[in-house]
N, C-alpha and C. Protein backbone atom coordinates (compact mmCIF):
# COMPACT_ATOMS: atom_id res chain seq x y z
N UNK A 1 34.45 46.15 159.02
CA UNK A 1 35.82 46.36 158.54
C UNK A 1 35.78 47.14 157.22
N UNK A 2 36.58 48.19 157.12
CA UNK A 2 36.54 49.05 155.95
C UNK A 2 37.21 48.38 154.76
N UNK A 3 36.48 48.23 153.65
CA UNK A 3 36.99 47.51 152.49
C UNK A 3 38.29 48.10 151.95
N UNK A 4 38.35 49.42 151.84
CA UNK A 4 39.54 50.04 151.26
C UNK A 4 40.78 49.78 152.12
N UNK A 5 40.61 49.81 153.43
CA UNK A 5 41.75 49.55 154.30
C UNK A 5 42.19 48.09 154.21
N UNK A 6 41.24 47.17 154.11
CA UNK A 6 41.59 45.76 153.94
C UNK A 6 42.34 45.55 152.63
N UNK A 7 41.88 46.20 151.58
CA UNK A 7 42.57 46.08 150.29
C UNK A 7 43.99 46.61 150.37
N UNK A 8 44.18 47.71 151.08
CA UNK A 8 45.53 48.26 151.25
C UNK A 8 46.41 47.27 151.99
N UNK A 9 45.85 46.60 152.99
CA UNK A 9 46.61 45.60 153.73
C UNK A 9 47.01 44.45 152.83
N UNK A 10 46.06 43.93 152.07
CA UNK A 10 46.35 42.78 151.22
C UNK A 10 47.25 43.12 150.04
N UNK A 11 47.26 44.39 149.63
CA UNK A 11 48.10 44.82 148.51
C UNK A 11 49.50 45.22 148.94
N UNK A 12 49.73 45.27 150.24
CA UNK A 12 51.02 45.71 150.76
C UNK A 12 52.09 44.66 150.45
N UNK A 13 53.14 45.06 149.77
CA UNK A 13 54.20 44.12 149.39
C UNK A 13 54.92 43.54 150.60
N UNK A 14 54.75 44.18 151.77
CA UNK A 14 55.39 43.67 152.98
C UNK A 14 54.57 42.61 153.70
N UNK A 15 53.39 42.30 153.16
CA UNK A 15 52.56 41.27 153.76
C UNK A 15 53.31 39.94 153.71
N UNK A 16 53.40 39.22 154.83
CA UNK A 16 54.24 38.01 154.87
C UNK A 16 53.57 36.80 154.25
N UNK A 17 53.34 36.85 152.95
CA UNK A 17 52.70 35.73 152.28
C UNK A 17 53.54 35.20 151.12
N UNK A 18 54.84 35.44 151.15
CA UNK A 18 55.71 34.87 150.14
C UNK A 18 55.87 35.68 148.89
N UNK A 19 55.23 36.85 148.81
CA UNK A 19 55.36 37.66 147.61
C UNK A 19 56.77 38.08 147.31
N UNK A 20 57.57 38.25 148.37
CA UNK A 20 58.97 38.66 148.17
C UNK A 20 59.80 37.57 147.52
N UNK A 21 59.27 36.35 147.48
CA UNK A 21 60.01 35.25 146.84
C UNK A 21 59.69 35.14 145.36
N UNK A 22 58.76 35.94 144.87
CA UNK A 22 58.28 35.82 143.50
C UNK A 22 58.76 36.99 142.63
N UNK A 23 58.95 36.71 141.35
CA UNK A 23 59.30 37.78 140.41
C UNK A 23 58.28 37.89 139.29
N UNK A 24 57.21 37.08 139.35
CA UNK A 24 56.28 37.08 138.23
C UNK A 24 56.95 36.59 136.96
N UNK A 25 57.93 35.69 137.11
CA UNK A 25 58.70 35.09 136.01
C UNK A 25 59.59 36.08 135.28
N UNK A 26 59.66 37.33 135.76
CA UNK A 26 60.49 38.29 135.04
C UNK A 26 61.97 37.98 135.23
N UNK A 27 62.36 37.33 136.31
CA UNK A 27 63.77 36.95 136.46
C UNK A 27 64.18 36.01 135.33
N UNK A 28 63.36 35.02 135.07
CA UNK A 28 63.66 34.10 133.97
C UNK A 28 63.61 34.81 132.63
N UNK A 29 62.67 35.72 132.46
CA UNK A 29 62.56 36.45 131.20
C UNK A 29 63.82 37.27 130.93
N UNK A 30 64.28 37.98 131.96
CA UNK A 30 65.49 38.79 131.79
C UNK A 30 66.72 37.92 131.54
N UNK A 31 66.73 36.73 132.12
CA UNK A 31 67.86 35.81 131.92
C UNK A 31 67.86 35.21 130.52
N UNK A 32 66.73 35.26 129.84
CA UNK A 32 66.61 34.64 128.52
C UNK A 32 66.37 35.67 127.42
N UNK A 33 66.82 36.91 127.62
CA UNK A 33 66.84 37.86 126.53
C UNK A 33 65.94 39.06 126.64
N UNK A 34 64.96 39.04 127.55
CA UNK A 34 64.15 40.23 127.76
C UNK A 34 65.02 41.35 128.32
N UNK A 35 64.76 42.57 127.91
CA UNK A 35 65.50 43.70 128.44
C UNK A 35 64.60 44.52 129.37
N UNK A 36 65.22 45.38 130.17
CA UNK A 36 64.43 46.23 131.05
C UNK A 36 63.45 47.08 130.25
N UNK A 37 63.84 47.48 129.04
CA UNK A 37 62.96 48.28 128.18
C UNK A 37 61.68 47.52 127.82
N UNK A 38 61.76 46.17 127.84
CA UNK A 38 60.62 45.35 127.45
C UNK A 38 59.66 45.06 128.59
N UNK A 39 60.01 45.44 129.82
CA UNK A 39 59.19 45.07 130.98
C UNK A 39 57.75 45.59 130.88
N UNK A 40 57.50 46.83 130.45
CA UNK A 40 56.10 47.27 130.34
C UNK A 40 55.27 46.39 129.40
N UNK A 41 55.86 45.97 128.29
CA UNK A 41 55.14 45.07 127.38
C UNK A 41 54.93 43.71 128.03
N UNK A 42 55.91 43.28 128.79
CA UNK A 42 55.80 42.02 129.51
C UNK A 42 54.65 42.08 130.52
N UNK A 43 54.54 43.21 131.21
CA UNK A 43 53.44 43.40 132.15
C UNK A 43 52.08 43.29 131.46
N UNK A 44 51.96 43.93 130.30
CA UNK A 44 50.69 43.89 129.58
C UNK A 44 50.36 42.47 129.16
N UNK A 45 51.38 41.72 128.74
CA UNK A 45 51.16 40.33 128.33
C UNK A 45 50.68 39.49 129.50
N UNK A 46 51.29 39.66 130.67
CA UNK A 46 50.86 38.91 131.85
C UNK A 46 49.43 39.27 132.24
N UNK A 47 49.11 40.55 132.18
CA UNK A 47 47.76 40.97 132.56
C UNK A 47 46.70 40.35 131.65
N UNK A 48 47.06 40.06 130.41
CA UNK A 48 46.10 39.51 129.47
C UNK A 48 46.10 37.99 129.45
N UNK A 49 46.96 37.38 130.25
CA UNK A 49 47.04 35.92 130.23
C UNK A 49 47.06 35.35 131.66
N UNK A 50 48.24 35.17 132.22
CA UNK A 50 48.38 34.54 133.53
C UNK A 50 47.55 35.25 134.60
N UNK A 51 47.64 36.57 134.64
CA UNK A 51 46.95 37.34 135.67
C UNK A 51 45.45 37.34 135.46
N UNK A 52 45.01 37.35 134.22
CA UNK A 52 43.58 37.30 133.92
C UNK A 52 42.97 36.00 134.44
N UNK A 53 43.68 34.90 134.23
CA UNK A 53 43.21 33.60 134.73
C UNK A 53 43.13 33.62 136.25
N UNK A 54 44.16 34.16 136.91
CA UNK A 54 44.17 34.19 138.36
C UNK A 54 43.04 35.08 138.89
N UNK A 55 42.87 36.24 138.29
CA UNK A 55 41.82 37.15 138.75
C UNK A 55 40.44 36.53 138.57
N UNK A 56 40.20 35.91 137.43
CA UNK A 56 38.93 35.25 137.20
C UNK A 56 38.69 34.12 138.18
N UNK A 57 39.72 33.36 138.48
CA UNK A 57 39.60 32.26 139.45
C UNK A 57 39.30 32.79 140.84
N UNK A 58 39.95 33.86 141.22
CA UNK A 58 39.72 34.45 142.55
C UNK A 58 38.28 34.96 142.67
N UNK A 59 37.79 35.60 141.63
CA UNK A 59 36.44 36.14 141.66
C UNK A 59 35.41 35.02 141.78
N UNK A 60 35.60 33.94 141.01
CA UNK A 60 34.67 32.81 141.08
C UNK A 60 34.76 32.13 142.44
N UNK A 61 35.97 31.97 142.97
CA UNK A 61 36.13 31.39 144.30
C UNK A 61 35.43 32.24 145.35
N UNK A 62 35.53 33.55 145.21
CA UNK A 62 34.84 34.45 146.13
C UNK A 62 33.34 34.23 146.09
N UNK A 63 32.80 34.15 144.88
CA UNK A 63 31.35 33.96 144.73
C UNK A 63 30.91 32.63 145.34
N UNK A 64 31.65 31.57 145.04
CA UNK A 64 31.31 30.26 145.58
C UNK A 64 31.37 30.26 147.10
N UNK A 65 32.45 30.83 147.67
CA UNK A 65 32.60 30.85 149.12
C UNK A 65 31.49 31.66 149.77
N UNK A 66 31.12 32.77 149.16
CA UNK A 66 30.06 33.61 149.72
C UNK A 66 28.71 32.91 149.71
N UNK A 67 28.53 31.99 148.76
CA UNK A 67 27.27 31.24 148.66
C UNK A 67 27.32 29.93 149.42
N UNK A 68 28.44 29.66 150.08
CA UNK A 68 28.58 28.41 150.82
C UNK A 68 28.86 27.21 149.95
N UNK A 69 29.36 27.43 148.72
CA UNK A 69 29.61 26.34 147.78
C UNK A 69 30.98 25.74 147.91
N UNK A 70 31.21 24.68 147.14
CA UNK A 70 32.48 23.95 147.13
C UNK A 70 33.48 24.68 146.24
N UNK A 71 34.73 24.79 146.70
CA UNK A 71 35.77 25.47 145.91
C UNK A 71 36.66 24.50 145.14
N UNK A 72 36.45 23.20 145.29
CA UNK A 72 37.34 22.24 144.63
C UNK A 72 37.32 22.39 143.12
N UNK A 73 36.13 22.55 142.53
CA UNK A 73 36.06 22.65 141.07
C UNK A 73 36.61 23.98 140.57
N UNK A 74 36.59 24.99 141.41
CA UNK A 74 37.23 26.27 141.04
C UNK A 74 38.73 26.06 140.93
N UNK A 75 39.29 25.37 141.90
CA UNK A 75 40.73 25.12 141.88
C UNK A 75 41.12 24.23 140.71
N UNK A 76 40.29 23.27 140.38
CA UNK A 76 40.55 22.41 139.23
C UNK A 76 40.51 23.22 137.94
N UNK A 77 39.54 24.12 137.83
CA UNK A 77 39.44 24.97 136.64
C UNK A 77 40.66 25.87 136.50
N UNK A 78 41.12 26.43 137.63
CA UNK A 78 42.34 27.25 137.59
C UNK A 78 43.52 26.42 137.10
N UNK A 79 43.69 25.22 137.65
CA UNK A 79 44.83 24.37 137.28
C UNK A 79 44.78 24.00 135.80
N UNK A 80 43.58 23.74 135.28
CA UNK A 80 43.44 23.38 133.87
C UNK A 80 43.84 24.53 132.95
N UNK A 81 43.73 25.75 133.45
CA UNK A 81 44.09 26.93 132.68
C UNK A 81 45.50 27.42 132.98
N UNK A 82 46.25 26.67 133.77
CA UNK A 82 47.63 27.00 134.13
C UNK A 82 48.50 25.81 133.78
N UNK A 83 48.85 25.64 132.50
CA UNK A 83 49.54 24.42 132.06
C UNK A 83 50.95 24.25 132.61
N UNK A 84 51.60 25.33 133.02
CA UNK A 84 52.96 25.23 133.54
C UNK A 84 52.94 24.71 134.98
N UNK A 85 53.61 23.57 135.19
CA UNK A 85 53.68 23.03 136.56
C UNK A 85 54.44 23.97 137.48
N UNK A 86 55.39 24.71 136.94
CA UNK A 86 56.15 25.67 137.75
C UNK A 86 55.25 26.80 138.24
N UNK A 87 54.38 27.30 137.37
CA UNK A 87 53.45 28.36 137.77
C UNK A 87 52.43 27.83 138.77
N UNK A 88 51.98 26.60 138.57
CA UNK A 88 51.04 26.02 139.54
C UNK A 88 51.70 25.84 140.91
N UNK A 89 52.92 25.36 140.91
CA UNK A 89 53.62 25.17 142.17
C UNK A 89 53.85 26.49 142.89
N UNK A 90 54.23 27.53 142.14
CA UNK A 90 54.46 28.84 142.75
C UNK A 90 53.17 29.38 143.37
N UNK A 91 52.05 29.24 142.64
CA UNK A 91 50.78 29.73 143.15
C UNK A 91 50.35 28.96 144.39
N UNK A 92 50.54 27.66 144.38
CA UNK A 92 50.15 26.86 145.54
C UNK A 92 51.03 27.18 146.76
N UNK A 93 52.30 27.51 146.49
CA UNK A 93 53.15 27.94 147.59
C UNK A 93 52.66 29.23 148.21
N UNK A 94 52.27 30.17 147.39
CA UNK A 94 51.71 31.42 147.90
C UNK A 94 50.36 31.19 148.58
N UNK A 95 49.58 30.27 148.02
CA UNK A 95 48.31 29.93 148.64
C UNK A 95 48.51 29.36 150.04
N UNK A 96 49.55 28.56 150.20
CA UNK A 96 49.83 27.96 151.51
C UNK A 96 50.18 29.03 152.54
N UNK A 97 51.00 30.00 152.16
CA UNK A 97 51.39 31.03 153.12
C UNK A 97 50.23 32.00 153.40
N UNK A 98 49.41 32.28 152.37
CA UNK A 98 48.24 33.13 152.58
C UNK A 98 47.23 32.42 153.48
N UNK A 99 47.09 31.13 153.28
CA UNK A 99 46.18 30.34 154.11
C UNK A 99 46.63 30.36 155.58
N UNK A 100 47.91 30.26 155.78
CA UNK A 100 48.43 30.29 157.15
C UNK A 100 48.16 31.64 157.80
N UNK A 101 48.44 32.71 157.05
CA UNK A 101 48.21 34.05 157.58
C UNK A 101 46.73 34.26 157.88
N UNK A 102 45.86 33.86 156.97
CA UNK A 102 44.43 34.02 157.18
C UNK A 102 43.96 33.21 158.38
N UNK A 103 44.58 32.05 158.59
CA UNK A 103 44.22 31.25 159.74
C UNK A 103 44.52 31.92 161.05
N UNK A 104 45.51 32.80 161.05
CA UNK A 104 45.85 33.54 162.26
C UNK A 104 44.99 34.79 162.43
N UNK A 105 44.66 35.45 161.31
CA UNK A 105 43.91 36.70 161.38
C UNK A 105 42.40 36.51 161.26
N UNK A 106 41.99 35.66 160.32
CA UNK A 106 40.56 35.47 160.04
C UNK A 106 40.27 33.97 159.90
N UNK A 107 40.37 33.20 160.95
CA UNK A 107 40.24 31.74 160.84
C UNK A 107 38.94 31.28 160.21
N UNK A 108 37.86 32.04 160.39
CA UNK A 108 36.57 31.64 159.81
C UNK A 108 36.60 31.65 158.29
N UNK A 109 37.54 32.41 157.72
CA UNK A 109 37.63 32.49 156.26
C UNK A 109 38.05 31.17 155.64
N UNK A 110 38.66 30.30 156.41
CA UNK A 110 39.23 29.07 155.85
C UNK A 110 38.23 27.93 155.73
N UNK A 111 37.02 28.09 156.25
CA UNK A 111 36.04 27.00 156.21
C UNK A 111 35.82 26.45 154.80
N UNK A 112 35.69 27.30 153.76
CA UNK A 112 35.46 26.75 152.41
C UNK A 112 36.66 25.98 151.86
N UNK A 113 37.83 26.12 152.48
CA UNK A 113 39.05 25.48 151.99
C UNK A 113 39.36 24.19 152.73
N UNK A 114 38.47 23.78 153.60
CA UNK A 114 38.74 22.67 154.52
C UNK A 114 39.18 21.40 153.79
N UNK A 115 38.54 21.09 152.67
CA UNK A 115 38.81 19.82 151.98
C UNK A 115 39.89 19.93 150.91
N UNK A 116 40.51 21.09 150.76
CA UNK A 116 41.53 21.29 149.73
C UNK A 116 42.92 21.16 150.34
N UNK A 117 43.73 20.28 149.77
CA UNK A 117 45.06 20.04 150.31
C UNK A 117 46.03 21.17 149.99
N UNK A 118 46.07 21.60 148.73
CA UNK A 118 47.03 22.63 148.31
C UNK A 118 46.37 23.56 147.31
N UNK A 119 45.44 24.39 147.74
CA UNK A 119 44.75 25.30 146.81
C UNK A 119 45.67 26.38 146.28
N UNK A 120 45.30 26.92 145.15
CA UNK A 120 46.06 28.02 144.55
C UNK A 120 45.89 29.28 145.37
N UNK A 121 46.76 30.24 145.12
CA UNK A 121 46.63 31.54 145.76
C UNK A 121 45.29 32.17 145.41
N UNK A 122 44.86 32.02 144.16
CA UNK A 122 43.59 32.62 143.74
C UNK A 122 42.42 32.06 144.53
N UNK A 123 42.42 30.76 144.76
CA UNK A 123 41.32 30.13 145.49
C UNK A 123 41.30 30.60 146.94
N UNK A 124 42.47 30.63 147.57
CA UNK A 124 42.55 31.09 148.96
C UNK A 124 42.14 32.55 149.06
N UNK A 125 42.65 33.36 148.13
CA UNK A 125 42.32 34.79 148.15
C UNK A 125 40.83 35.01 147.97
N UNK A 126 40.20 34.20 147.12
CA UNK A 126 38.76 34.33 146.94
C UNK A 126 37.99 34.01 148.21
N UNK A 127 38.43 32.98 148.92
CA UNK A 127 37.78 32.62 150.18
C UNK A 127 37.93 33.73 151.21
N UNK A 128 39.13 34.30 151.28
CA UNK A 128 39.38 35.39 152.23
C UNK A 128 38.53 36.61 151.87
N UNK A 129 38.48 36.92 150.59
CA UNK A 129 37.69 38.07 150.14
C UNK A 129 36.22 37.90 150.47
N UNK A 130 35.71 36.69 150.31
CA UNK A 130 34.30 36.44 150.63
C UNK A 130 34.04 36.67 152.11
N UNK A 131 34.94 36.18 152.94
CA UNK A 131 34.77 36.35 154.39
C UNK A 131 34.83 37.82 154.80
N UNK A 132 35.71 38.57 154.15
CA UNK A 132 35.89 39.98 154.51
C UNK A 132 34.89 40.90 153.82
N UNK A 133 34.07 40.35 152.94
CA UNK A 133 33.07 41.15 152.25
C UNK A 133 33.62 42.05 151.17
N UNK A 134 34.74 41.68 150.58
CA UNK A 134 35.34 42.51 149.52
C UNK A 134 34.56 42.33 148.22
N UNK A 135 34.25 43.42 147.53
CA UNK A 135 33.54 43.31 146.24
C UNK A 135 34.38 42.59 145.20
N UNK A 136 33.71 41.95 144.26
CA UNK A 136 34.41 41.18 143.22
C UNK A 136 35.37 42.05 142.42
N UNK A 137 34.92 43.24 142.03
CA UNK A 137 35.78 44.12 141.25
C UNK A 137 37.02 44.53 142.01
N UNK A 138 36.86 44.80 143.29
CA UNK A 138 38.01 45.18 144.12
C UNK A 138 39.01 44.02 144.22
N UNK A 139 38.47 42.82 144.37
CA UNK A 139 39.34 41.63 144.43
C UNK A 139 40.13 41.47 143.14
N UNK A 140 39.47 41.63 142.00
CA UNK A 140 40.16 41.49 140.72
C UNK A 140 41.23 42.56 140.54
N UNK A 141 40.92 43.79 140.97
CA UNK A 141 41.93 44.84 140.88
C UNK A 141 43.12 44.53 141.78
N UNK A 142 42.85 43.96 142.94
CA UNK A 142 43.92 43.57 143.85
C UNK A 142 44.85 42.56 143.19
N UNK A 143 44.27 41.56 142.54
CA UNK A 143 45.09 40.54 141.86
C UNK A 143 45.95 41.18 140.78
N UNK A 144 45.34 42.05 139.97
CA UNK A 144 46.10 42.70 138.91
C UNK A 144 47.19 43.59 139.43
N UNK A 145 46.86 44.41 140.43
CA UNK A 145 47.86 45.31 141.00
C UNK A 145 49.00 44.53 141.64
N UNK A 146 48.67 43.48 142.38
CA UNK A 146 49.71 42.70 143.05
C UNK A 146 50.67 42.10 142.04
N UNK A 147 50.15 41.61 140.92
CA UNK A 147 51.03 41.00 139.92
C UNK A 147 51.96 42.04 139.30
N UNK A 148 51.42 43.21 139.00
CA UNK A 148 52.22 44.27 138.39
C UNK A 148 53.32 44.74 139.34
N UNK A 149 52.96 45.00 140.60
CA UNK A 149 53.96 45.50 141.53
C UNK A 149 54.99 44.42 141.86
N UNK A 150 54.62 43.13 141.80
CA UNK A 150 55.58 42.05 142.01
C UNK A 150 56.64 42.06 140.92
N UNK A 151 56.20 42.16 139.67
CA UNK A 151 57.15 42.19 138.55
C UNK A 151 58.06 43.41 138.64
N UNK A 152 57.49 44.57 138.92
CA UNK A 152 58.28 45.80 138.96
C UNK A 152 59.26 45.80 140.12
N UNK A 153 58.85 45.30 141.28
CA UNK A 153 59.76 45.24 142.42
C UNK A 153 60.91 44.28 142.13
N UNK A 154 60.61 43.17 141.47
CA UNK A 154 61.67 42.23 141.12
C UNK A 154 62.63 42.83 140.09
N UNK A 155 62.08 43.54 139.11
CA UNK A 155 62.92 44.15 138.08
C UNK A 155 63.91 45.13 138.69
N UNK A 156 63.51 45.82 139.75
CA UNK A 156 64.43 46.75 140.42
C UNK A 156 65.63 46.03 141.02
N UNK A 157 65.43 44.79 141.43
CA UNK A 157 66.52 44.01 142.02
C UNK A 157 67.38 43.34 140.96
N UNK A 158 66.84 43.22 139.76
CA UNK A 158 67.51 42.43 138.73
C UNK A 158 68.18 43.29 137.65
N UNK A 159 67.77 44.54 137.53
CA UNK A 159 68.30 45.40 136.47
C UNK A 159 68.62 46.79 137.03
N UNK A 160 69.59 47.49 136.42
CA UNK A 160 69.93 48.84 136.89
C UNK A 160 68.85 49.84 136.50
N UNK A 161 67.92 50.08 137.40
CA UNK A 161 66.77 50.94 137.11
C UNK A 161 66.62 52.03 138.15
N UNK A 162 66.11 53.16 137.71
CA UNK A 162 65.67 54.21 138.62
C UNK A 162 64.33 53.76 139.20
N UNK A 163 64.18 53.72 140.53
CA UNK A 163 62.90 53.31 141.11
C UNK A 163 61.71 54.10 140.57
N UNK A 164 61.93 55.35 140.21
CA UNK A 164 60.84 56.15 139.66
C UNK A 164 60.36 55.59 138.33
N UNK A 165 61.26 54.98 137.57
CA UNK A 165 60.88 54.36 136.30
C UNK A 165 59.95 53.19 136.54
N UNK A 166 60.31 52.33 137.50
CA UNK A 166 59.47 51.17 137.81
C UNK A 166 58.11 51.61 138.35
N UNK A 167 58.10 52.66 139.15
CA UNK A 167 56.83 53.19 139.65
C UNK A 167 55.98 53.71 138.50
N UNK A 168 56.64 54.31 137.53
CA UNK A 168 55.92 54.78 136.33
C UNK A 168 55.30 53.62 135.57
N UNK A 169 55.97 52.48 135.55
CA UNK A 169 55.40 51.30 134.89
C UNK A 169 54.12 50.86 135.59
N UNK A 170 54.15 50.87 136.92
CA UNK A 170 52.94 50.50 137.68
C UNK A 170 51.81 51.48 137.36
N UNK A 171 52.12 52.77 137.39
CA UNK A 171 51.10 53.79 137.12
C UNK A 171 50.52 53.62 135.71
N UNK A 172 51.39 53.34 134.75
CA UNK A 172 50.93 53.18 133.37
C UNK A 172 50.04 51.95 133.20
N UNK A 173 50.22 50.97 134.06
CA UNK A 173 49.44 49.73 133.95
C UNK A 173 48.08 49.83 134.62
N UNK A 174 47.83 50.87 135.38
CA UNK A 174 46.58 50.97 136.14
C UNK A 174 45.33 50.87 135.27
N UNK A 175 45.27 51.56 134.10
CA UNK A 175 44.07 51.41 133.27
C UNK A 175 43.84 49.97 132.81
N UNK A 176 44.91 49.25 132.53
CA UNK A 176 44.76 47.87 132.09
C UNK A 176 44.34 46.97 133.25
N UNK A 177 44.79 47.30 134.47
CA UNK A 177 44.32 46.56 135.64
C UNK A 177 42.82 46.77 135.81
N UNK A 178 42.38 48.01 135.63
CA UNK A 178 40.95 48.31 135.73
C UNK A 178 40.15 47.56 134.67
N UNK A 179 40.70 47.48 133.46
CA UNK A 179 40.02 46.77 132.38
C UNK A 179 39.94 45.27 132.69
N UNK A 180 41.00 44.71 133.23
CA UNK A 180 41.00 43.30 133.64
C UNK A 180 39.89 43.06 134.66
N UNK A 181 39.80 43.95 135.65
CA UNK A 181 38.80 43.78 136.70
C UNK A 181 37.39 43.83 136.12
N UNK A 182 37.17 44.75 135.21
CA UNK A 182 35.84 44.86 134.59
C UNK A 182 35.48 43.60 133.80
N UNK A 183 36.50 42.96 133.23
CA UNK A 183 36.26 41.76 132.41
C UNK A 183 35.82 40.56 133.25
N UNK A 184 36.33 40.46 134.47
CA UNK A 184 36.07 39.25 135.26
C UNK A 184 35.14 39.46 136.46
N UNK A 185 34.79 40.69 136.77
CA UNK A 185 34.07 40.98 138.02
C UNK A 185 32.72 40.28 138.13
N UNK A 186 32.08 39.96 137.02
CA UNK A 186 30.75 39.37 137.06
C UNK A 186 30.75 37.85 136.92
N UNK A 187 31.93 37.23 136.92
CA UNK A 187 31.99 35.77 136.75
C UNK A 187 31.50 35.07 138.01
N UNK A 188 30.79 33.95 137.81
CA UNK A 188 30.26 33.22 138.96
C UNK A 188 30.51 31.72 138.90
N UNK A 189 30.91 31.18 137.74
CA UNK A 189 31.07 29.72 137.64
C UNK A 189 32.45 29.40 137.07
N UNK A 190 33.00 28.21 137.43
CA UNK A 190 34.33 27.83 136.95
C UNK A 190 34.45 27.83 135.43
N UNK A 191 33.39 27.46 134.74
CA UNK A 191 33.44 27.42 133.29
C UNK A 191 33.62 28.78 132.64
N UNK A 192 33.33 29.84 133.39
CA UNK A 192 33.47 31.19 132.86
C UNK A 192 34.86 31.77 133.04
N UNK A 193 35.71 31.11 133.82
CA UNK A 193 37.06 31.62 134.04
C UNK A 193 37.79 31.69 132.70
N UNK A 194 38.43 32.81 132.36
CA UNK A 194 39.13 32.92 131.09
C UNK A 194 40.19 31.83 130.93
N UNK A 195 40.30 31.32 129.73
CA UNK A 195 41.32 30.31 129.42
C UNK A 195 42.29 30.93 128.42
N UNK A 196 43.24 31.67 128.94
CA UNK A 196 44.21 32.41 128.11
C UNK A 196 45.61 32.06 128.56
N UNK A 197 46.38 31.45 127.69
CA UNK A 197 47.74 31.07 128.05
C UNK A 197 48.78 31.96 127.39
N UNK A 198 49.99 31.87 127.88
CA UNK A 198 51.12 32.55 127.25
C UNK A 198 52.29 31.57 127.24
N UNK A 199 52.45 30.82 126.16
CA UNK A 199 53.47 29.78 126.12
C UNK A 199 54.88 30.27 126.46
N UNK A 200 55.23 31.49 126.06
CA UNK A 200 56.59 31.95 126.34
C UNK A 200 56.82 32.14 127.84
N UNK A 201 55.86 32.72 128.55
CA UNK A 201 55.99 32.87 130.00
C UNK A 201 56.06 31.49 130.64
N UNK A 202 55.26 30.54 130.15
CA UNK A 202 55.26 29.19 130.70
C UNK A 202 56.62 28.51 130.49
N UNK A 203 57.21 28.70 129.32
CA UNK A 203 58.54 28.12 129.05
C UNK A 203 59.58 28.74 129.97
N UNK A 204 59.54 30.06 130.12
CA UNK A 204 60.49 30.71 131.02
C UNK A 204 60.31 30.21 132.45
N UNK A 205 59.07 30.06 132.89
CA UNK A 205 58.81 29.58 134.25
C UNK A 205 59.37 28.18 134.45
N UNK A 206 59.20 27.32 133.46
CA UNK A 206 59.73 25.96 133.57
C UNK A 206 61.26 25.95 133.62
N UNK A 207 61.88 26.80 132.81
CA UNK A 207 63.34 26.89 132.81
C UNK A 207 63.84 27.41 134.14
N UNK A 208 63.14 28.38 134.70
CA UNK A 208 63.55 28.98 135.97
C UNK A 208 63.47 27.98 137.11
N UNK A 209 62.51 27.07 137.03
CA UNK A 209 62.30 26.10 138.11
C UNK A 209 63.47 25.15 138.29
N UNK A 210 64.28 24.97 137.25
CA UNK A 210 65.37 23.99 137.35
C UNK A 210 66.75 24.65 137.41
N UNK A 211 66.79 25.98 137.42
CA UNK A 211 68.09 26.63 137.54
C UNK A 211 68.51 26.72 139.00
N UNK A 212 69.80 26.65 139.25
CA UNK A 212 70.27 26.73 140.64
C UNK A 212 70.91 28.08 140.94
N UNK A 213 70.77 29.03 140.03
CA UNK A 213 71.29 30.38 140.25
C UNK A 213 70.16 31.37 140.03
N UNK A 214 69.47 31.69 141.11
CA UNK A 214 68.31 32.57 140.99
C UNK A 214 68.10 33.32 142.29
N UNK A 215 67.47 34.49 142.18
CA UNK A 215 67.13 35.26 143.37
C UNK A 215 65.71 34.95 143.86
N UNK A 216 64.84 34.57 142.92
CA UNK A 216 63.43 34.33 143.25
C UNK A 216 63.05 32.90 142.93
N UNK A 217 62.08 32.39 143.66
CA UNK A 217 61.60 31.03 143.41
C UNK A 217 60.88 30.92 142.09
N UNK A 218 60.18 31.99 141.72
CA UNK A 218 59.39 31.92 140.48
C UNK A 218 59.22 33.32 139.90
């Protein structure tokens, strides 16, 4: 199976794994004072915090799965670095839908997840990447790109924007996605996963979880 084509499949926003239900917390951010002009800075902040943790967790999960190891401690390490219960719930929801899809397309990929009740998206993605033979750096870039395009796609629905502007935000973020991937590509153990939080994003995520007027779940 060609790695680049698999990556294109997994990066496709139309993949039925719940990505359309997510805004990367930008819906809550815009509701609490962030402006469309601030979205590029918001993207950079996510890449250096929430997304970095997810990418590192996915890379470590990939390594463990490829070696036939247990993924439970990887998932615990991810959860310890994701203090917002709303962010954990959103990730586990995406992990559930990705797990279901993988079970239909690549059922053998799920063996390392057998004992996990509700793994994060990062853990499931790492297991899938190991089964498909995706390189660690490619997996990390996928996580970064997916997060950026999720935020930008949501911003288009939430603010009066020219789609070309949002596409420009994605393009501008590509070097930082590459830098993120380089930072985590060589990680192999849960203790090496970056522990970087962003309290403001976590507060917005928690506020969004209890509002009854929203377009996205998270």
